[in-house]
Each structure stands twice: as C-alpha cells, then as structure tokens.
Amino acid sequence: MLGPLPALYRVIVCTCAFLAFVGLGVWAARLMPESALASAGTGLGTGLGIVVVLLLLHHDPHDPGHRTRVRVRAPRS
C-alpha cells in the first residue's frame, strides 16, 4: 500500500503508526479503573500496530498501479 514512497518514508510512516497504536492502547487501558490493564493495553496496542504496519506494507500484485509488461501481437491475416 505504501509502495510508491521511498524506503525512508515508509519506515517513518510505519513507525509513527505503530507508536500511535501502542500509545492508544496504553491510553485506553489507563481509562479503565484497574492500573494492571496498562500492560494489557500495551499488548493490545502492539498487536494492532503490527497488523496495521503489515497492512501498510502489503503489496497487492493485482493492483492496477502495479507495472506489468503486456505484449500485444497483431493478428495475422
């Protein structure tokens, strides 16, 4: 999904997305009354962050933006 970006920008975007999900998991766990849920929130945020990063880096070979070489032959008469 992030194919046209240079490699450095892909790393930056994926790192920011991962850290955002970990932070959101900790923040959501801190809203709960039990303080022991902070580690569970971190784990949940880490898991969701990994999934999002994998989806960002996923490359669909059937994507129309994917360059393929098509060879067209003229019909013989």
Protein backbone atom coordinates (compact mmCIF):
# COMPACT_ATOMS: atom_id res chain seq x y z
CA MET A 1 0.00 0.00 0.00
CA LEU A 2 2.92 2.34 0.61
CA GLY A 3 4.74 1.17 -2.48
CA PRO A 4 5.38 4.45 -4.30
CA LEU A 5 7.00 6.06 -1.25
CA PRO A 6 10.78 5.95 -0.80
CA ALA A 7 12.01 3.43 1.76
CA LEU A 8 12.86 6.04 4.41
CA TYR A 9 9.35 7.49 4.29
CA ARG A 10 7.81 4.03 4.54
CA VAL A 11 9.86 3.38 7.68
CA ILE A 12 8.81 6.72 9.17
CA VAL A 13 5.11 6.21 8.41
CA CYS A 14 5.11 2.66 9.76
CA THR A 15 6.99 3.68 12.92
CA CYS A 16 4.55 6.51 13.58
CA ALA A 17 1.55 4.24 13.01
CA PHE A 18 2.99 1.57 15.31
CA LEU A 19 3.78 4.05 18.09
CA ALA A 20 0.35 5.65 17.73
CA PHE A 21 -1.39 2.31 18.25
CA VAL A 22 0.77 1.43 21.24
CA GLY A 23 0.04 4.84 22.73
CA LEU A 24 -3.68 4.49 22.08
CA GLY A 25 -3.65 1.07 23.74
CA VAL A 26 -1.95 2.44 26.85
CA TRP A 27 -4.27 5.44 26.91
CA ALA A 28 -7.38 3.24 26.59
CA ALA A 29 -6.11 0.97 29.35
CA ARG A 30 -5.43 3.94 31.63
CA LEU A 31 -9.09 4.95 31.30
CA MET A 32 -10.07 1.66 32.91
CA PRO A 33 -10.22 1.56 36.72
CA GLU A 34 -7.54 -1.14 37.08
CA SER A 35 -3.96 0.03 36.66
CA ALA A 36 -2.87 -3.54 35.83
CA LEU A 37 -4.63 -3.17 32.49
CA ALA A 38 -1.89 -0.85 31.24
CA SER A 39 0.24 -3.81 30.20
CA ALA A 40 -2.78 -5.43 28.54
CA GLY A 41 -3.45 -2.18 26.71
CA THR A 42 0.17 -2.02 25.61
CA GLY A 43 -0.07 -5.60 24.32
CA LEU A 44 -3.32 -4.91 22.51
CA GLY A 45 -1.92 -1.71 21.00
CA THR A 46 1.24 -3.53 19.95
CA GLY A 47 -0.77 -6.29 18.29
CA LEU A 48 -2.99 -3.85 16.41
CA GLY A 49 0.03 -1.75 15.49
CA ILE A 50 1.79 -4.76 13.98
CA VAL A 51 -1.31 -5.65 11.97
CA VAL A 52 -1.66 -2.09 10.67
CA VAL A 53 2.03 -1.92 9.74
CA LEU A 54 1.76 -5.22 7.88
CA LEU A 55 -1.29 -3.93 6.03
CA LEU A 56 0.56 -0.72 5.15
CA LEU A 57 3.49 -2.70 3.77
CA HIS A 58 1.32 -5.26 1.98
CA HIS A 59 1.72 -5.23 -1.78
CA ASP A 60 -1.20 -6.39 -3.90
CA PRO A 61 0.04 -7.90 -7.17
CA HIS A 62 -3.38 -7.28 -8.77
CA ASP A 63 -3.22 -3.56 -8.02
CA PRO A 64 -3.76 -1.54 -11.22
CA GLY A 65 -0.83 0.67 -10.22
CA HIS A 66 1.46 -2.34 -10.43
CA ARG A 67 3.55 -2.18 -13.57
CA THR A 68 3.31 -5.20 -15.78
CA ARG A 69 4.66 -5.68 -19.24
CA VAL A 70 1.93 -6.57 -21.72
CA ARG A 71 2.90 -7.81 -25.12
CA VAL A 72 0.28 -7.34 -27.79
CA ARG A 73 0.63 -9.14 -31.05
CA ALA A 74 -1.11 -8.01 -34.18
CA PRO A 75 -3.46 -10.64 -35.57
CA ARG A 76 -2.16 -12.44 -38.65
CA SER A 77 -4.25 -12.10 -41.75
